[in-house]
N, C-alpha and C. Protein backbone atom coordinates (compact mmCIF):
# COMPACT_ATOMS: atom_id res chain seq x y z
N MET A 1 -199.53 28.82 -97.54
CA MET A 1 -200.42 29.08 -96.42
C MET A 1 -200.33 30.53 -95.96
N PHE A 2 -199.09 31.05 -95.82
CA PHE A 2 -198.92 32.44 -95.39
C PHE A 2 -199.59 33.41 -96.35
N ILE A 3 -199.47 33.14 -97.64
CA ILE A 3 -200.06 34.02 -98.66
C ILE A 3 -201.58 34.04 -98.52
N THR A 4 -202.18 32.90 -98.27
CA THR A 4 -203.63 32.83 -98.10
C THR A 4 -204.06 33.61 -96.87
N VAL A 5 -203.36 33.45 -95.77
CA VAL A 5 -203.68 34.19 -94.54
C VAL A 5 -203.52 35.69 -94.78
N LEU A 6 -202.45 36.07 -95.45
CA LEU A 6 -202.23 37.49 -95.77
C LEU A 6 -203.39 38.03 -96.60
N GLY A 7 -203.83 37.29 -97.58
CA GLY A 7 -204.96 37.70 -98.41
C GLY A 7 -206.25 37.82 -97.61
N LEU A 8 -206.48 36.88 -96.70
CA LEU A 8 -207.68 36.94 -95.86
C LEU A 8 -207.65 38.13 -94.92
N VAL A 9 -206.48 38.42 -94.35
CA VAL A 9 -206.35 39.59 -93.46
C VAL A 9 -206.59 40.87 -94.25
N ALA A 10 -205.99 40.98 -95.43
CA ALA A 10 -206.19 42.15 -96.28
C ALA A 10 -207.67 42.30 -96.63
N GLY A 11 -208.30 41.21 -97.01
CA GLY A 11 -209.72 41.23 -97.32
C GLY A 11 -210.57 41.61 -96.12
N GLY A 12 -210.15 41.17 -94.94
CA GLY A 12 -210.87 41.53 -93.72
C GLY A 12 -210.88 43.02 -93.48
N PHE A 13 -209.75 43.67 -93.74
CA PHE A 13 -209.69 45.12 -93.57
C PHE A 13 -210.60 45.83 -94.57
N VAL A 14 -210.67 45.33 -95.79
CA VAL A 14 -211.56 45.91 -96.80
C VAL A 14 -213.02 45.77 -96.36
N VAL A 15 -213.36 44.61 -95.84
CA VAL A 15 -214.73 44.37 -95.38
C VAL A 15 -215.06 45.28 -94.19
N ILE A 16 -214.17 45.36 -93.23
CA ILE A 16 -214.40 46.19 -92.04
C ILE A 16 -214.56 47.66 -92.40
N ALA A 17 -213.91 48.10 -93.47
CA ALA A 17 -213.99 49.49 -93.88
C ALA A 17 -215.42 49.93 -94.22
N SER A 18 -216.29 49.00 -94.56
CA SER A 18 -217.68 49.33 -94.90
C SER A 18 -218.56 49.53 -93.68
N LEU A 19 -218.16 48.96 -92.56
CA LEU A 19 -219.03 48.99 -91.38
C LEU A 19 -219.37 50.40 -90.88
N PRO A 20 -218.44 51.33 -90.79
CA PRO A 20 -218.83 52.67 -90.33
C PRO A 20 -219.90 53.31 -91.21
N GLN A 21 -219.82 53.11 -92.52
CA GLN A 21 -220.83 53.68 -93.42
C GLN A 21 -222.18 53.04 -93.18
N ILE A 22 -222.22 51.73 -93.01
CA ILE A 22 -223.48 51.04 -92.75
C ILE A 22 -224.09 51.51 -91.44
N ILE A 23 -223.29 51.59 -90.41
CA ILE A 23 -223.78 52.04 -89.10
C ILE A 23 -224.31 53.47 -89.18
N LYS A 24 -223.59 54.35 -89.87
CA LYS A 24 -224.02 55.73 -90.00
C LYS A 24 -225.36 55.84 -90.73
N ILE A 25 -225.52 55.07 -91.79
CA ILE A 25 -226.78 55.09 -92.54
C ILE A 25 -227.93 54.57 -91.68
N ILE A 26 -227.70 53.48 -90.97
CA ILE A 26 -228.76 52.90 -90.14
C ILE A 26 -229.18 53.85 -89.03
N THR A 27 -228.21 54.51 -88.40
CA THR A 27 -228.55 55.40 -87.28
C THR A 27 -229.13 56.74 -87.74
N SER A 28 -228.64 57.27 -88.86
CA SER A 28 -229.12 58.59 -89.30
C SER A 28 -230.25 58.50 -90.33
N LYS A 29 -230.34 57.39 -91.02
CA LYS A 29 -231.31 57.20 -92.10
C LYS A 29 -231.13 58.24 -93.20
N LYS A 30 -229.92 58.77 -93.33
CA LYS A 30 -229.61 59.75 -94.37
C LYS A 30 -228.59 59.15 -95.34
N THR A 31 -228.93 59.23 -96.62
CA THR A 31 -228.03 58.70 -97.65
C THR A 31 -227.79 59.71 -98.77
N SER A 32 -228.21 60.94 -98.58
CA SER A 32 -228.11 61.93 -99.66
C SER A 32 -226.66 62.19 -100.08
N ASP A 33 -225.71 62.01 -99.19
CA ASP A 33 -224.31 62.27 -99.51
C ASP A 33 -223.59 61.05 -100.09
N ILE A 34 -224.30 59.96 -100.28
CA ILE A 34 -223.70 58.74 -100.80
C ILE A 34 -223.98 58.65 -102.30
N SER A 35 -222.96 58.35 -103.06
CA SER A 35 -223.10 58.24 -104.52
C SER A 35 -223.73 56.90 -104.90
N LEU A 36 -224.88 56.98 -105.54
CA LEU A 36 -225.56 55.77 -106.02
C LEU A 36 -224.72 55.07 -107.09
N GLN A 37 -224.16 55.85 -108.00
CA GLN A 37 -223.37 55.27 -109.07
C GLN A 37 -222.15 54.53 -108.53
N MET A 38 -221.53 55.08 -107.50
CA MET A 38 -220.36 54.43 -106.92
C MET A 38 -220.71 53.04 -106.38
N TYR A 39 -221.83 52.95 -105.67
CA TYR A 39 -222.20 51.66 -105.08
C TYR A 39 -222.73 50.69 -106.12
N ILE A 40 -223.31 51.18 -107.20
CA ILE A 40 -223.69 50.28 -108.29
C ILE A 40 -222.43 49.67 -108.91
N LEU A 41 -221.45 50.53 -109.23
CA LEU A 41 -220.20 50.05 -109.83
C LEU A 41 -219.42 49.16 -108.86
N LEU A 42 -219.40 49.52 -107.58
CA LEU A 42 -218.70 48.72 -106.58
C LEU A 42 -219.32 47.34 -106.46
N ASN A 43 -220.65 47.26 -106.53
CA ASN A 43 -221.32 45.96 -106.47
C ASN A 43 -221.01 45.11 -107.69
N ILE A 44 -220.96 45.73 -108.85
CA ILE A 44 -220.60 44.98 -110.06
C ILE A 44 -219.17 44.46 -109.95
N GLY A 45 -218.25 45.33 -109.54
CA GLY A 45 -216.86 44.92 -109.40
C GLY A 45 -216.68 43.82 -108.37
N THR A 46 -217.34 43.95 -107.23
CA THR A 46 -217.23 42.93 -106.19
C THR A 46 -217.82 41.61 -106.64
N PHE A 47 -218.94 41.68 -107.36
CA PHE A 47 -219.53 40.45 -107.91
C PHE A 47 -218.54 39.74 -108.83
N LEU A 48 -217.86 40.52 -109.67
CA LEU A 48 -216.87 39.93 -110.58
C LEU A 48 -215.71 39.31 -109.82
N TRP A 49 -215.29 39.92 -108.70
CA TRP A 49 -214.24 39.32 -107.86
C TRP A 49 -214.72 38.00 -107.26
N VAL A 50 -215.99 37.93 -106.88
CA VAL A 50 -216.54 36.67 -106.36
C VAL A 50 -216.50 35.60 -107.44
N VAL A 51 -216.91 35.95 -108.64
CA VAL A 51 -216.87 34.99 -109.75
C VAL A 51 -215.42 34.55 -110.01
N TYR A 52 -214.50 35.50 -110.01
CA TYR A 52 -213.09 35.18 -110.22
C TYR A 52 -212.59 34.23 -109.12
N GLY A 53 -212.94 34.51 -107.87
CA GLY A 53 -212.54 33.65 -106.76
C GLY A 53 -213.10 32.24 -106.89
N LEU A 54 -214.33 32.13 -107.38
CA LEU A 54 -214.93 30.82 -107.61
C LEU A 54 -214.22 30.06 -108.72
N ILE A 55 -213.99 30.76 -109.83
CA ILE A 55 -213.37 30.10 -110.99
C ILE A 55 -211.95 29.64 -110.67
N THR A 56 -211.19 30.48 -109.95
CA THR A 56 -209.79 30.16 -109.67
C THR A 56 -209.62 29.42 -108.35
N ASN A 57 -210.73 29.22 -107.62
CA ASN A 57 -210.70 28.52 -106.33
C ASN A 57 -209.72 29.16 -105.35
N GLN A 58 -209.78 30.49 -105.25
CA GLN A 58 -208.91 31.23 -104.33
C GLN A 58 -209.73 31.73 -103.14
N VAL A 59 -209.57 31.07 -102.04
CA VAL A 59 -210.32 31.37 -100.82
C VAL A 59 -210.07 32.81 -100.36
N ALA A 60 -208.84 33.27 -100.48
CA ALA A 60 -208.48 34.62 -100.02
C ALA A 60 -209.16 35.71 -100.85
N ILE A 61 -209.56 35.39 -102.05
CA ILE A 61 -210.33 36.32 -102.89
C ILE A 61 -211.82 36.13 -102.63
N LEU A 62 -212.24 34.90 -102.56
CA LEU A 62 -213.65 34.56 -102.50
C LEU A 62 -214.34 35.00 -101.21
N ILE A 63 -213.83 34.57 -100.07
CA ILE A 63 -214.53 34.82 -98.80
C ILE A 63 -214.69 36.30 -98.48
N PRO A 64 -213.62 37.10 -98.51
CA PRO A 64 -213.81 38.52 -98.21
C PRO A 64 -214.75 39.21 -99.20
N ASN A 65 -214.69 38.83 -100.46
CA ASN A 65 -215.54 39.49 -101.44
C ASN A 65 -217.00 39.09 -101.34
N ILE A 66 -217.29 37.88 -100.87
CA ILE A 66 -218.68 37.51 -100.61
C ILE A 66 -219.24 38.37 -99.48
N ILE A 67 -218.47 38.53 -98.42
CA ILE A 67 -218.91 39.37 -97.30
C ILE A 67 -219.01 40.83 -97.73
N PHE A 68 -217.99 41.31 -98.46
CA PHE A 68 -217.98 42.69 -98.95
C PHE A 68 -219.17 42.93 -99.87
N GLN A 69 -219.51 41.95 -100.69
CA GLN A 69 -220.67 42.07 -101.57
C GLN A 69 -221.95 42.24 -100.76
N ALA A 70 -222.09 41.47 -99.70
CA ALA A 70 -223.28 41.58 -98.84
C ALA A 70 -223.35 42.97 -98.22
N PHE A 71 -222.22 43.49 -97.74
CA PHE A 71 -222.20 44.82 -97.15
C PHE A 71 -222.52 45.88 -98.20
N ASN A 72 -221.93 45.75 -99.39
CA ASN A 72 -222.19 46.72 -100.45
C ASN A 72 -223.65 46.70 -100.89
N LEU A 73 -224.22 45.51 -100.97
CA LEU A 73 -225.64 45.41 -101.32
C LEU A 73 -226.51 46.03 -100.24
N SER A 74 -226.10 45.89 -98.98
CA SER A 74 -226.83 46.52 -97.88
C SER A 74 -226.82 48.04 -98.02
N ILE A 75 -225.65 48.59 -98.32
CA ILE A 75 -225.55 50.04 -98.49
C ILE A 75 -226.38 50.49 -99.69
N LEU A 76 -226.31 49.75 -100.78
CA LEU A 76 -227.10 50.09 -101.96
C LEU A 76 -228.59 50.02 -101.65
N PHE A 77 -229.02 48.99 -100.96
CA PHE A 77 -230.43 48.87 -100.57
C PHE A 77 -230.85 50.05 -99.70
N LEU A 78 -230.02 50.40 -98.71
CA LEU A 78 -230.35 51.53 -97.83
C LEU A 78 -230.37 52.85 -98.60
N LYS A 79 -229.47 53.00 -99.55
CA LYS A 79 -229.47 54.20 -100.40
C LYS A 79 -230.77 54.30 -101.18
N LEU A 80 -231.20 53.20 -101.76
CA LEU A 80 -232.44 53.20 -102.52
C LEU A 80 -233.65 53.40 -101.61
N LYS A 81 -233.61 52.84 -100.42
CA LYS A 81 -234.73 52.97 -99.47
C LYS A 81 -234.85 54.39 -98.92
N HIS A 82 -233.73 55.00 -98.54
CA HIS A 82 -233.77 56.31 -97.89
C HIS A 82 -233.49 57.46 -98.84
N GLY A 83 -233.23 57.15 -100.09
CA GLY A 83 -233.02 58.18 -101.11
C GLY A 83 -231.81 58.97 -100.89
């Protein structure tokens, strides 16, 4: 149980780390300094973590990465929208 909670807390910090970038993009509508390639690769990697979490039935991997994937897709969408 402790290990699962530790994993969820760690995943929570990773997810929260994306929020300042999302907020900055939404308020400034500027994405020129954001690497498109980085967010494409990050989305692929996060998707694979979600698949891994599903296959191994590890909640501490699955839940944070589903949320992180949504945030990463949001950033990628905003990058493509605002160039």
